Amino acid sequence: MPDRDTSGRSALTYPADLTPEIQSTLASLADLETRYEIDREAAERTTRAAEQAHLLDQLEKRRQVEREPLVRRLAELQQAMTFALMHRAWATDPEEVASRYRVEVERTGDRRQSASERSA
């Protein structure tokens, strides 16, 4: 049975080896967004209207290029986290997890059977 805290919720946590990288990537993303907002506000205050649109467009393009690998890395880390937590849950009590899947398969099987009976 999975470890439970006093409220009855699962006490499973993130794998410790991924936490620093997640925090670092989120901090980098926050820094990038802050820098973009500062640069955007400065461009809006200091440039002429004719140059402003071009400069804001350039800032947005730079932001997207710098942001893309960070967002991609966060998605990879989320996937790794999901797999680690699934593995941990399975390793904690395989029979409990397996019984949940059996119930779902049985429910799905019942629905298929009912549909096939209707078509017959």
PDB file of N, CA and C in Angstrom:
ATOM      1  N   MET A   1       0.848  -1.181   0.000  1.00  0.00           N
ATOM      2  CA  MET A   1       0.000   0.000   0.000  1.00  0.00           C
ATOM      3  C   MET A   1       0.887   1.236   0.000  1.00  0.00           C
ATOM      4  N   PRO A   2       0.556   2.283  -0.798  1.00  0.00           N
ATOM      5  CA  PRO A   2       1.386   3.486  -0.822  1.00  0.00           C
ATOM      6  C   PRO A   2       1.432   4.151   0.541  1.00  0.00           C
ATOM      7  N   ASP A   3       2.557   4.802   0.823  1.00  0.00           N
ATOM      8  CA  ASP A   3       2.663   5.566   2.059  1.00  0.00           C
ATOM      9  C   ASP A   3       1.587   6.639   2.048  1.00  0.00           C
ATOM     10  N   ARG A   4       0.969   6.864   3.187  1.00  0.00           N
ATOM     11  CA  ARG A   4      -0.081   7.882   3.288  1.00  0.00           C
ATOM     12  C   ARG A   4       0.313   8.891   4.343  1.00  0.00           C
ATOM     13  N   ASP A   5      -0.053  10.162   4.113  1.00  0.00           N
ATOM     14  CA  ASP A   5       0.158  11.144   5.168  1.00  0.00           C
ATOM     15  C   ASP A   5      -1.056  11.100   6.094  1.00  0.00           C
ATOM     16  N   THR A   6      -1.100  11.966   7.065  1.00  0.00           N
ATOM     17  CA  THR A   6      -2.177  11.909   8.057  1.00  0.00           C
ATOM     18  C   THR A   6      -3.548  12.200   7.478  1.00  0.00           C
ATOM     19  N   SER A   7      -3.614  12.876   6.306  1.00  0.00           N
ATOM     20  CA  SER A   7      -4.913  13.174   5.704  1.00  0.00           C
ATOM     21  C   SER A   7      -5.415  12.025   4.839  1.00  0.00           C
ATOM     22  N   GLY A   8      -4.583  10.973   4.676  1.00  0.00           N
ATOM     23  CA  GLY A   8      -4.990   9.847   3.850  1.00  0.00           C
ATOM     24  C   GLY A   8      -4.536   9.961   2.405  1.00  0.00           C
ATOM     25  N   ARG A   9      -3.924  11.082   2.039  1.00  0.00           N
ATOM     26  CA  ARG A   9      -3.435  11.245   0.672  1.00  0.00           C
ATOM     27  C   ARG A   9      -2.126  10.502   0.500  1.00  0.00           C
ATOM     28  N   SER A  10      -1.821  10.159  -0.715  1.00  0.00           N
ATOM     29  CA  SER A  10      -0.558   9.498  -1.000  1.00  0.00           C
ATOM     30  C   SER A  10       0.590  10.431  -0.656  1.00  0.00           C
ATOM     31  N   ALA A  11       1.621   9.899  -0.037  1.00  0.00           N
ATOM     32  CA  ALA A  11       2.777  10.699   0.346  1.00  0.00           C
ATOM     33  C   ALA A  11       3.887  10.616  -0.701  1.00  0.00           C
ATOM     34  N   LEU A  12       3.577  10.122  -1.893  1.00  0.00           N
ATOM     35  CA  LEU A  12       4.588  10.055  -2.943  1.00  0.00           C
ATOM     36  C   LEU A  12       5.025  11.463  -3.311  1.00  0.00           C
ATOM     37  N   THR A  13       6.306  11.635  -3.475  1.00  0.00           N
ATOM     38  CA  THR A  13       6.845  12.937  -3.827  1.00  0.00           C
ATOM     39  C   THR A  13       7.671  12.818  -5.086  1.00  0.00           C
ATOM     40  N   TYR A  14       8.112  13.965  -5.582  1.00  0.00           N
ATOM     41  CA  TYR A  14       8.964  13.975  -6.765  1.00  0.00           C
ATOM     42  C   TYR A  14      10.284  13.277  -6.470  1.00  0.00           C
ATOM     43  N   PRO A  15      10.834  12.586  -7.444  1.00  0.00           N
ATOM     44  CA  PRO A  15      12.172  12.030  -7.255  1.00  0.00           C
ATOM     45  C   PRO A  15      13.164  13.167  -6.998  1.00  0.00           C
ATOM     46  N   ALA A  16      13.952  13.032  -5.970  1.00  0.00           N
ATOM     47  CA  ALA A  16      14.855  14.101  -5.538  1.00  0.00           C
ATOM     48  C   ALA A  16      15.868  14.488  -6.600  1.00  0.00           C
ATOM     49  N   ASP A  17      16.269  13.553  -7.442  1.00  0.00           N
ATOM     50  CA  ASP A  17      17.289  13.886  -8.428  1.00  0.00           C
ATOM     51  C   ASP A  17      16.766  14.790  -9.542  1.00  0.00           C
ATOM     52  N   LEU A  18      15.484  14.882  -9.730  1.00  0.00           N
ATOM     53  CA  LEU A  18      14.913  15.756 -10.762  1.00  0.00           C
ATOM     54  C   LEU A  18      14.567  17.141 -10.227  1.00  0.00           C
ATOM     55  N   THR A  19      14.349  17.246  -8.938  1.00  0.00           N
ATOM     56  CA  THR A  19      13.907  18.510  -8.350  1.00  0.00           C
ATOM     57  C   THR A  19      14.847  19.682  -8.631  1.00  0.00           C
ATOM     58  N   PRO A  20      16.164  19.553  -8.441  1.00  0.00           N
ATOM     59  CA  PRO A  20      17.041  20.705  -8.713  1.00  0.00           C
ATOM     60  C   PRO A  20      16.995  21.157 -10.172  1.00  0.00           C
ATOM     61  N   GLU A  21      16.912  20.209 -11.088  1.00  0.00           N
ATOM     62  CA  GLU A  21      16.864  20.594 -12.506  1.00  0.00           C
ATOM     63  C   GLU A  21      15.543  21.268 -12.857  1.00  0.00           C
ATOM     64  N   ILE A  22      14.456  20.805 -12.281  1.00  0.00           N
ATOM     65  CA  ILE A  22      13.164  21.449 -12.501  1.00  0.00           C
ATOM     66  C   ILE A  22      13.211  22.880 -11.970  1.00  0.00           C
ATOM     67  N   GLN A  23      13.721  23.042 -10.759  1.00  0.00           N
ATOM     68  CA  GLN A  23      13.808  24.380 -10.171  1.00  0.00           C
ATOM     69  C   GLN A  23      14.702  25.297 -10.998  1.00  0.00           C
ATOM     70  N   SER A  24      15.819  24.776 -11.460  1.00  0.00           N
ATOM     71  CA  SER A  24      16.747  25.566 -12.270  1.00  0.00           C
ATOM     72  C   SER A  24      16.116  25.983 -13.593  1.00  0.00           C
ATOM     73  N   THR A  25      15.432  25.062 -14.228  1.00  0.00           N
ATOM     74  CA  THR A  25      14.786  25.357 -15.511  1.00  0.00           C
ATOM     75  C   THR A  25      13.663  26.371 -15.327  1.00  0.00           C
ATOM     76  N   LEU A  26      12.878  26.217 -14.283  1.00  0.00           N
ATOM     77  CA  LEU A  26      11.819  27.191 -14.004  1.00  0.00           C
ATOM     78  C   LEU A  26      12.398  28.570 -13.699  1.00  0.00           C
ATOM     79  N   ALA A  27      13.505  28.601 -12.956  1.00  0.00           N
ATOM     80  CA  ALA A  27      14.152  29.884 -12.652  1.00  0.00           C
ATOM     81  C   ALA A  27      14.666  30.542 -13.929  1.00  0.00           C
ATOM     82  N   SER A  28      15.243  29.756 -14.820  1.00  0.00           N
ATOM     83  CA  SER A  28      15.722  30.297 -16.103  1.00  0.00           C
ATOM     84  C   SER A  28      14.569  30.853 -16.926  1.00  0.00           C
ATOM     85  N   LEU A  29      13.463  30.136 -16.928  1.00  0.00           N
ATOM     86  CA  LEU A  29      12.286  30.594 -17.662  1.00  0.00           C
ATOM     87  C   LEU A  29      11.743  31.887 -17.055  1.00  0.00           C
ATOM     88  N   ALA A  30      11.708  31.970 -15.743  1.00  0.00           N
ATOM     89  CA  ALA A  30      11.239  33.189 -15.070  1.00  0.00           C
ATOM     90  C   ALA A  30      12.180  34.361 -15.361  1.00  0.00           C
ATOM     91  N   ASP A  31      13.481  34.107 -15.346  1.00  0.00           N
ATOM     92  CA  ASP A  31      14.454  35.159 -15.671  1.00  0.00           C
ATOM     93  C   ASP A  31      14.259  35.660 -17.091  1.00  0.00           C
ATOM     94  N   LEU A  32      14.044  34.742 -18.012  1.00  0.00           N
ATOM     95  CA  LEU A  32      13.837  35.109 -19.408  1.00  0.00           C
ATOM     96  C   LEU A  32      12.592  35.977 -19.565  1.00  0.00           C
ATOM     97  N   GLU A  33      11.506  35.587 -18.917  1.00  0.00           N
ATOM     98  CA  GLU A  33      10.257  36.344 -19.007  1.00  0.00           C
ATOM     99  C   GLU A  33      10.406  37.736 -18.381  1.00  0.00           C
ATOM    100  N   THR A  34      11.123  37.799 -17.271  1.00  0.00           N
ATOM    101  CA  THR A  34      11.346  39.092 -16.623  1.00  0.00           C
ATOM    102  C   THR A  34      12.179  40.009 -17.514  1.00  0.00           C
ATOM    103  N   ARG A  35      13.244  39.448 -18.079  1.00  0.00           N
ATOM    104  CA  ARG A  35      14.093  40.234 -18.978  1.00  0.00           C
ATOM    105  C   ARG A  35      13.303  40.725 -20.188  1.00  0.00           C
ATOM    106  N   TYR A  36      12.441  39.869 -20.729  1.00  0.00           N
ATOM    107  CA  TYR A  36      11.610  40.252 -21.870  1.00  0.00           C
ATOM    108  C   TYR A  36      10.691  41.419 -21.501  1.00  0.00           C
ATOM    109  N   GLU A  37      10.037  41.324 -20.354  1.00  0.00           N
ATOM    110  CA  GLU A  37       9.117  42.390 -19.928  1.00  0.00           C
ATOM    111  C   GLU A  37       9.856  43.710 -19.712  1.00  0.00           C
ATOM    112  N   ILE A  38      11.025  43.659 -19.111  1.00  0.00           N
ATOM    113  CA  ILE A  38      11.822  44.869 -18.905  1.00  0.00           C
ATOM    114  C   ILE A  38      12.231  45.480 -20.241  1.00  0.00           C
ATOM    115  N   ASP A  39      12.720  44.645 -21.158  1.00  0.00           N
ATOM    116  CA  ASP A  39      13.132  45.129 -22.479  1.00  0.00           C
ATOM    117  C   ASP A  39      11.947  45.684 -23.269  1.00  0.00           C
ATOM    118  N   ARG A  40      10.805  44.995 -23.157  1.00  0.00           N
ATOM    119  CA  ARG A  40       9.613  45.449 -23.879  1.00  0.00           C
ATOM    120  C   ARG A  40       9.158  46.814 -23.365  1.00  0.00           C
ATOM    121  N   GLU A  41       9.097  46.962 -22.055  1.00  0.00           N
ATOM    122  CA  GLU A  41       8.686  48.244 -21.488  1.00  0.00           C
ATOM    123  C   GLU A  41       9.666  49.358 -21.849  1.00  0.00           C
ATOM    124  N   ALA A  42      10.956  49.053 -21.849  1.00  0.00           N
ATOM    125  CA  ALA A  42      11.960  50.051 -22.235  1.00  0.00           C
ATOM    126  C   ALA A  42      11.794  50.443 -23.696  1.00  0.00           C
ATOM    127  N   ALA A  43      11.527  49.479 -24.553  1.00  0.00           N
ATOM    128  CA  ALA A  43      11.331  49.764 -25.978  1.00  0.00           C
ATOM    129  C   ALA A  43      10.098  50.630 -26.191  1.00  0.00           C
ATOM    130  N   GLU A  44       9.062  50.366 -25.438  1.00  0.00           N
ATOM    131  CA  GLU A  44       7.839  51.162 -25.572  1.00  0.00           C
ATOM    132  C   GLU A  44       8.040  52.598 -25.094  1.00  0.00           C
ATOM    133  N   ARG A  45       8.903  52.798 -24.125  1.00  0.00           N
ATOM    134  CA  ARG A  45       9.140  54.144 -23.590  1.00  0.00           C
ATOM    135  C   ARG A  45      10.132  54.959 -24.417  1.00  0.00           C
ATOM    136  N   THR A  46      11.125  54.309 -24.983  1.00  0.00           N
ATOM    137  CA  THR A  46      12.246  55.070 -25.542  1.00  0.00           C
ATOM    138  C   THR A  46      12.325  55.121 -27.054  1.00  0.00           C
ATOM    139  N   THR A  47      11.556  54.347 -27.767  1.00  0.00           N
ATOM    140  CA  THR A  47      11.682  54.358 -29.226  1.00  0.00           C
ATOM    141  C   THR A  47      10.518  55.093 -29.877  1.00  0.00           C
ATOM    142  N   ARG A  48      10.809  55.559 -31.075  1.00  0.00           N
ATOM    143  CA  ARG A  48       9.747  56.208 -31.849  1.00  0.00           C
ATOM    144  C   ARG A  48       8.781  55.149 -32.356  1.00  0.00           C
ATOM    145  N   ALA A  49       7.573  55.553 -32.647  1.00  0.00           N
ATOM    146  CA  ALA A  49       6.524  54.629 -33.075  1.00  0.00           C
ATOM    147  C   ALA A  49       6.950  53.826 -34.302  1.00  0.00           C
ATOM    148  N   ALA A  50       7.644  54.466 -35.232  1.00  0.00           N
ATOM    149  CA  ALA A  50       8.062  53.773 -36.450  1.00  0.00           C
ATOM    150  C   ALA A  50       9.032  52.632 -36.149  1.00  0.00           C
ATOM    151  N   GLU A  51       9.903  52.819 -35.176  1.00  0.00           N
ATOM    152  CA  GLU A  51      10.878  51.794 -34.817  1.00  0.00           C
ATOM    153  C   GLU A  51      10.331  50.801 -33.796  1.00  0.00           C
ATOM    154  N   GLN A  52       9.347  51.229 -33.055  1.00  0.00           N
ATOM    155  CA  GLN A  52       8.831  50.440 -31.947  1.00  0.00           C
ATOM    156  C   GLN A  52       8.295  49.077 -32.393  1.00  0.00           C
ATOM    157  N   ALA A  53       7.490  49.057 -33.442  1.00  0.00           N
ATOM    158  CA  ALA A  53       6.901  47.794 -33.900  1.00  0.00           C
ATOM    159  C   ALA A  53       7.996  46.801 -34.287  1.00  0.00           C
ATOM    160  N   HIS A  54       9.009  47.295 -35.003  1.00  0.00           N
ATOM    161  CA  HIS A  54      10.104  46.414 -35.418  1.00  0.00           C
ATOM    162  C   HIS A  54      10.878  45.898 -34.196  1.00  0.00           C
ATOM    163  N   LEU A  55      11.173  46.764 -33.260  1.00  0.00           N
ATOM    164  CA  LEU A  55      11.918  46.372 -32.069  1.00  0.00           C
ATOM    165  C   LEU A  55      11.121  45.382 -31.216  1.00  0.00           C
ATOM    166  N   LEU A  56       9.831  45.640 -31.049  1.00  0.00           N
ATOM    167  CA  LEU A  56       8.996  44.720 -30.267  1.00  0.00           C
ATOM    168  C   LEU A  56       8.905  43.356 -30.942  1.00  0.00           C
ATOM    169  N   ASP A  57       8.836  43.357 -32.266  1.00  0.00           N
ATOM    170  CA  ASP A  57       8.820  42.101 -33.012  1.00  0.00           C
ATOM    171  C   ASP A  57      10.127  41.330 -32.791  1.00  0.00           C
ATOM    172  N   GLN A  58      11.258  42.047 -32.843  1.00  0.00           N
ATOM    173  CA  GLN A  58      12.556  41.415 -32.612  1.00  0.00           C
ATOM    174  C   GLN A  58      12.666  40.856 -31.191  1.00  0.00           C
ATOM    175  N   LEU A  59      12.156  41.593 -30.227  1.00  0.00           N
ATOM    176  CA  LEU A  59      12.172  41.114 -28.841  1.00  0.00           C
ATOM    177  C   LEU A  59      11.345  39.837 -28.685  1.00  0.00           C
ATOM    178  N   GLU A  60      10.184  39.827 -29.313  1.00  0.00           N
ATOM    179  CA  GLU A  60       9.312  38.642 -29.232  1.00  0.00           C
ATOM    180  C   GLU A  60       9.970  37.440 -29.892  1.00  0.00           C
ATOM    181  N   LYS A  61      10.601  37.650 -31.035  1.00  0.00           N
ATOM    182  CA  LYS A  61      11.289  36.534 -31.715  1.00  0.00           C
ATOM    183  C   LYS A  61      12.418  35.995 -30.852  1.00  0.00           C
ATOM    184  N   ARG A  62      13.201  36.881 -30.241  1.00  0.00           N
ATOM    185  CA  ARG A  62      14.292  36.448 -29.373  1.00  0.00           C
ATOM    186  C   ARG A  62      13.738  35.675 -28.185  1.00  0.00           C
ATOM    187  N   ARG A  63      12.643  36.171 -27.629  1.00  0.00           N
ATOM    188  CA  ARG A  63      12.012  35.506 -26.487  1.00  0.00           C
ATOM    189  C   ARG A  63      11.591  34.084 -26.857  1.00  0.00           C
ATOM    190  N   GLN A  64      10.964  33.928 -28.013  1.00  0.00           N
ATOM    191  CA  GLN A  64      10.510  32.601 -28.435  1.00  0.00           C
ATOM    192  C   GLN A  64      11.680  31.644 -28.653  1.00  0.00           C
ATOM    193  N   VAL A  65      12.743  32.134 -29.275  1.00  0.00           N
ATOM    194  CA  VAL A  65      13.915  31.289 -29.534  1.00  0.00           C
ATOM    195  C   VAL A  65      14.563  30.843 -28.224  1.00  0.00           C
ATOM    196  N   GLU A  66      14.675  31.748 -27.273  1.00  0.00           N
ATOM    197  CA  GLU A  66      15.294  31.417 -25.990  1.00  0.00           C
ATOM    198  C   GLU A  66      14.369  30.576 -25.110  1.00  0.00           C
ATOM    199  N   ARG A  67      13.081  30.744 -25.273  1.00  0.00           N
ATOM    200  CA  ARG A  67      12.092  30.068 -24.435  1.00  0.00           C
ATOM    201  C   ARG A  67      11.879  28.610 -24.859  1.00  0.00           C
ATOM    202  N   GLU A  68      11.943  28.356 -26.150  1.00  0.00           N
ATOM    203  CA  GLU A  68      11.622  27.034 -26.681  1.00  0.00           C
ATOM    204  C   GLU A  68      12.408  25.885 -26.033  1.00  0.00           C
ATOM    205  N   PRO A  69      13.737  25.972 -25.917  1.00  0.00           N
ATOM    206  CA  PRO A  69      14.446  24.847 -25.288  1.00  0.00           C
ATOM    207  C   PRO A  69      14.103  24.672 -23.804  1.00  0.00           C
ATOM    208  N   LEU A  70      13.784  25.757 -23.122  1.00  0.00           N
ATOM    209  CA  LEU A  70      13.412  25.648 -21.710  1.00  0.00           C
ATOM    210  C   LEU A  70      12.068  24.952 -21.556  1.00  0.00           C
ATOM    211  N   VAL A  71      11.119  25.317 -22.383  1.00  0.00           N
ATOM    212  CA  VAL A  71       9.796  24.691 -22.324  1.00  0.00           C
ATOM    213  C   VAL A  71       9.899  23.215 -22.718  1.00  0.00           C
ATOM    214  N   ARG A  72      10.706  22.925 -23.721  1.00  0.00           N
ATOM    215  CA  ARG A  72      10.915  21.542 -24.144  1.00  0.00           C
ATOM    216  C   ARG A  72      11.535  20.729 -23.001  1.00  0.00           C
ATOM    217  N   ARG A  73      12.515  21.315 -22.315  1.00  0.00           N
ATOM    218  CA  ARG A  73      13.159  20.614 -21.205  1.00  0.00           C
ATOM    219  C   ARG A  73      12.175  20.376 -20.058  1.00  0.00           C
ATOM    220  N   LEU A  74      11.329  21.355 -19.776  1.00  0.00           N
ATOM    221  CA  LEU A  74      10.318  21.153 -18.734  1.00  0.00           C
ATOM    222  C   LEU A  74       9.370  20.010 -19.098  1.00  0.00           C
ATOM    223  N   ALA A  75       9.007  19.910 -20.363  1.00  0.00           N
ATOM    224  CA  ALA A  75       8.144  18.805 -20.803  1.00  0.00           C
ATOM    225  C   ALA A  75       8.854  17.463 -20.615  1.00  0.00           C
ATOM    226  N   GLU A  76      10.149  17.414 -20.939  1.00  0.00           N
ATOM    227  CA  GLU A  76      10.926  16.181 -20.734  1.00  0.00           C
ATOM    228  C   GLU A  76      10.993  15.820 -19.250  1.00  0.00           C
ATOM    229  N   LEU A  77      11.222  16.821 -18.422  1.00  0.00           N
ATOM    230  CA  LEU A  77      11.291  16.576 -16.981  1.00  0.00           C
ATOM    231  C   LEU A  77       9.942  16.122 -16.433  1.00  0.00           C
ATOM    232  N   GLN A  78       8.866  16.707 -16.942  1.00  0.00           N
ATOM    233  CA  GLN A  78       7.529  16.287 -16.508  1.00  0.00           C
ATOM    234  C   GLN A  78       7.288  14.826 -16.882  1.00  0.00           C
ATOM    235  N   GLN A  79       7.698  14.451 -18.082  1.00  0.00           N
ATOM    236  CA  GLN A  79       7.536  13.066 -18.509  1.00  0.00           C
ATOM    237  C   GLN A  79       8.374  12.129 -17.627  1.00  0.00           C
ATOM    238  N   ALA A  80       9.613  12.516 -17.352  1.00  0.00           N
ATOM    239  CA  ALA A  80      10.461  11.702 -16.483  1.00  0.00           C
ATOM    240  C   ALA A  80       9.846  11.578 -15.095  1.00  0.00           C
ATOM    241  N   MET A  81       9.288  12.665 -14.602  1.00  0.00           N
ATOM    242  CA  MET A  81       8.653  12.670 -13.289  1.00  0.00           C
ATOM    243  C   MET A  81       7.447  11.725 -13.281  1.00  0.00           C
ATOM    244  N   THR A  82       6.647  11.807 -14.319  1.00  0.00           N
ATOM    245  CA  THR A  82       5.468  10.950 -14.414  1.00  0.00           C
ATOM    246  C   THR A  82       5.868   9.481 -14.411  1.00  0.00           C
ATOM    247  N   PHE A  83       6.857   9.124 -15.218  1.00  0.00           N
ATOM    248  CA  PHE A  83       7.314   7.734 -15.262  1.00  0.00           C
ATOM    249  C   PHE A  83       7.886   7.300 -13.913  1.00  0.00           C
ATOM    250  N   ALA A  84       8.650   8.180 -13.273  1.00  0.00           N
ATOM    251  CA  ALA A  84       9.231   7.835 -11.977  1.00  0.00           C
ATOM    252  C   ALA A  84       8.146   7.609 -10.931  1.00  0.00           C
ATOM    253  N   LEU A  85       7.140   8.466 -10.929  1.00  0.00           N
ATOM    254  CA  LEU A  85       6.062   8.320  -9.954  1.00  0.00           C
ATOM    255  C   LEU A  85       5.220   7.083 -10.236  1.00  0.00           C
ATOM    256  N   MET A  86       4.996   6.798 -11.519  1.00  0.00           N
ATOM    257  CA  MET A  86       4.253   5.577 -11.859  1.00  0.00           C
ATOM    258  C   MET A  86       5.036   4.346 -11.409  1.00  0.00           C
ATOM    259  N   HIS A  87       6.344   4.373 -11.665  1.00  0.00           N
ATOM    260  CA  HIS A  87       7.181   3.247 -11.258  1.00  0.00           C
ATOM    261  C   HIS A  87       7.180   3.097  -9.743  1.00  0.00           C
ATOM    262  N   ARG A  88       7.278   4.215  -9.041  1.00  0.00           N
ATOM    263  CA  ARG A  88       7.288   4.175  -7.578  1.00  0.00           C
ATOM    264  C   ARG A  88       5.962   3.628  -7.059  1.00  0.00           C
ATOM    265  N   ALA A  89       4.858   4.067  -7.653  1.00  0.00           N
ATOM    266  CA  ALA A  89       3.548   3.577  -7.222  1.00  0.00           C
ATOM    267  C   ALA A  89       3.434   2.081  -7.480  1.00  0.00           C
ATOM    268  N   TRP A  90       3.915   1.645  -8.624  1.00  0.00           N
ATOM    269  CA  TRP A  90       3.856   0.228  -8.963  1.00  0.00           C
ATOM    270  C   TRP A  90       4.732  -0.574  -8.008  1.00  0.00           C
ATOM    271  N   ALA A  91       5.921  -0.071  -7.736  1.00  0.00           N
ATOM    272  CA  ALA A  91       6.848  -0.781  -6.862  1.00  0.00           C
ATOM    273  C   ALA A  91       6.348  -0.807  -5.421  1.00  0.00           C
ATOM    274  N   THR A  92       5.574   0.190  -5.021  1.00  0.00           N
ATOM    275  CA  THR A  92       5.079   0.254  -3.652  1.00  0.00           C
ATOM    276  C   THR A  92       4.088  -0.870  -3.377  1.00  0.00           C
ATOM    277  N   ASP A  93       3.133  -1.067  -4.273  1.00  0.00           N
ATOM    278  CA  ASP A  93       2.161  -2.133  -4.087  1.00  0.00           C
ATOM    279  C   ASP A  93       1.618  -2.554  -5.445  1.00  0.00           C
ATOM    280  N   PRO A  94       2.319  -3.447  -6.113  1.00  0.00           N
ATOM    281  CA  PRO A  94       1.903  -3.844  -7.462  1.00  0.00           C
ATOM    282  C   PRO A  94       0.491  -4.423  -7.514  1.00  0.00           C
ATOM    283  N   GLU A  95       0.097  -5.138  -6.479  1.00  0.00           N
ATOM    284  CA  GLU A  95      -1.234  -5.752  -6.503  1.00  0.00           C
ATOM    285  C   GLU A  95      -2.334  -4.699  -6.460  1.00  0.00           C
ATOM    286  N   GLU A  96      -2.142  -3.643  -5.675  1.00  0.00           N
ATOM    287  CA  GLU A  96      -3.146  -2.581  -5.615  1.00  0.00           C
ATOM    288  C   GLU A  96      -3.281  -1.898  -6.973  1.00  0.00           C
ATOM    289  N   VAL A  97      -2.152  -1.594  -7.607  1.00  0.00           N
ATOM    290  CA  VAL A  97      -2.179  -0.951  -8.918  1.00  0.00           C
ATOM    291  C   VAL A  97      -2.799  -1.884  -9.939  1.00  0.00           C
ATOM    292  N   ALA A  98      -2.406  -3.148  -9.912  1.00  0.00           N
ATOM    293  CA  ALA A  98      -2.941  -4.116 -10.861  1.00  0.00           C
ATOM    294  C   ALA A  98      -4.443  -4.274 -10.692  1.00  0.00           C
ATOM    295  N   SER A  99      -4.927  -4.253  -9.460  1.00  0.00           N
ATOM    296  CA  SER A  99      -6.365  -4.407  -9.245  1.00  0.00           C
ATOM    297  C   SER A  99      -7.131  -3.223  -9.826  1.00  0.00           C
ATOM    298  N   ARG A 100      -6.537  -2.018  -9.765  1.00  0.00           N
ATOM    299  CA  ARG A 100      -7.197  -0.866 -10.383  1.00  0.00           C
ATOM    300  C   ARG A 100      -7.326  -1.061 -11.882  1.00  0.00           C
ATOM    301  N   TYR A 101      -6.263  -1.574 -12.505  1.00  0.00           N
ATOM    302  CA  TYR A 101      -6.312  -1.797 -13.949  1.00  0.00           C
ATOM    303  C   TYR A 101      -7.297  -2.904 -14.305  1.00  0.00           C
ATOM    304  N   ARG A 102      -7.371  -3.953 -13.481  1.00  0.00           N
ATOM    305  CA  ARG A 102      -8.321  -5.023 -13.747  1.00  0.00           C
ATOM    306  C   ARG A 102      -9.747  -4.500 -13.741  1.00  0.00           C
ATOM    307  N   VAL A 103     -10.065  -3.631 -12.787  1.00  0.00           N
ATOM    308  CA  VAL A 103     -11.410  -3.063 -12.714  1.00  0.00           C
ATOM    309  C   VAL A 103     -11.706  -2.292 -13.992  1.00  0.00           C
ATOM    310  N   GLU A 104     -10.765  -1.466 -14.454  1.00  0.00           N
ATOM    311  CA  GLU A 104     -10.981  -0.694 -15.677  1.00  0.00           C
ATOM    312  C   GLU A 104     -11.141  -1.607 -16.883  1.00  0.00           C
ATOM    313  N   VAL A 105     -10.341  -2.661 -16.964  1.00  0.00           N
ATOM    314  CA  VAL A 105     -10.450  -3.600 -18.079  1.00  0.00           C
ATOM    315  C   VAL A 105     -11.796  -4.297 -18.029  1.00  0.00           C
ATOM    316  N   GLU A 106     -12.218  -4.683 -16.846  1.00  0.00           N
ATOM    317  CA  GLU A 106     -13.516  -5.339 -16.707  1.00  0.00           C
ATOM    318  C   GLU A 106     -14.637  -4.400 -17.129  1.00  0.00           C
ATOM    319  N   ARG A 107     -14.565  -3.136 -16.722  1.00  0.00           N
ATOM    320  CA  ARG A 107     -15.590  -2.165 -17.122  1.00  0.00           C
ATOM    321  C   ARG A 107     -15.596  -1.987 -18.628  1.00  0.00           C
ATOM    322  N   THR A 108     -14.424  -1.841 -19.212  1.00  0.00           N
ATOM    323  CA  THR A 108     -14.311  -1.677 -20.659  1.00  0.00           C
ATOM    324  C   THR A 108     -14.825  -2.917 -21.358  1.00  0.00           C
ATOM    325  N   GLY A 109     -14.470  -4.081 -20.838  1.00  0.00           N
ATOM    326  CA  GLY A 109     -14.934  -5.336 -21.423  1.00  0.00           C
ATOM    327  C   GLY A 109     -16.445  -5.447 -21.371  1.00  0.00           C
ATOM    328  N   ASP A 110     -17.056  -5.016 -20.266  1.00  0.00           N
ATOM    329  CA  ASP A 110     -18.508  -5.048 -20.144  1.00  0.00           C
ATOM    330  C   ASP A 110     -19.163  -4.155 -21.186  1.00  0.00           C
ATOM    331  N   ARG A 111     -18.600  -2.981 -21.419  1.00  0.00           N
ATOM    332  CA  ARG A 111     -19.166  -2.067 -22.406  1.00  0.00           C
ATOM    333  C   ARG A 111     -19.054  -2.646 -23.808  1.00  0.00           C
ATOM    334  N   ARG A 112     -17.927  -3.271 -24.106  1.00  0.00           N
ATOM    335  CA  ARG A 112     -17.768  -3.877 -25.433  1.00  0.00           C
ATOM    336  C   ARG A 112     -18.757  -4.993 -25.631  1.00  0.00           C
ATOM    337  N   GLN A 113     -18.938  -5.775 -24.594  1.00  0.00           N
ATOM    338  CA  GLN A 113     -19.860  -6.891 -24.677  1.00  0.00           C
ATOM    339  C   GLN A 113     -21.273  -6.378 -24.922  1.00  0.00           C
ATOM    340  N   SER A 114     -21.657  -5.347 -24.228  1.00  0.00           N
ATOM    341  CA  SER A 114     -22.995  -4.789 -24.396  1.00  0.00           C
ATOM    342  C   SER A 114     -23.180  -4.245 -25.807  1.00  0.00           C
ATOM    343  N   ALA A 115     -22.156  -3.602 -26.332  1.00  0.00           N
ATOM    344  CA  ALA A 115     -22.241  -3.053 -27.687  1.00  0.00           C
ATOM    345  C   ALA A 115     -22.354  -4.177 -28.709  1.00  0.00           C
ATOM    346  N   SER A 116     -21.594  -5.259 -28.521  1.00  0.00           N
ATOM    347  CA  SER A 116     -21.651  -6.368 -29.476  1.00  0.00           C
ATOM    348  C   SER A 116     -22.981  -7.103 -29.385  1.00  0.00           C
ATOM    349  N   GLU A 117     -23.537  -7.179 -28.188  1.00  0.00           N
ATOM    350  CA  GLU A 117     -24.833  -7.831 -28.029  1.00  0.00           C
ATOM    351  C   GLU A 117     -25.919  -7.030 -28.744  1.00  0.00           C
ATOM    352  N   ARG A 118     -25.788  -5.699 -28.692  1.00  0.00           N
ATOM    353  CA  ARG A 118     -26.790  -4.847 -29.356  1.00  0.00           C
ATOM    354  C   ARG A 118     -26.714  -4.989 -30.871  1.00  0.00           C
ATOM    355  N   SER A 119     -25.499  -5.170 -31.398  1.00  0.00           N
ATOM    356  CA  SER A 119     -25.358  -5.253 -32.850  1.00  0.00           C
ATOM    357  C   SER A 119     -25.731  -6.635 -33.373  1.00  0.00           C
ATOM    358  N   ALA A 120     -25.775  -7.634 -32.490  1.00  0.00           N
ATOM    359  CA  ALA A 120     -26.089  -8.998 -32.924  1.00  0.00           C
ATOM    360  C   ALA A 120     -27.560  -9.212 -33.115  1.00  0.00           C
TER     361      ALA A 120
END
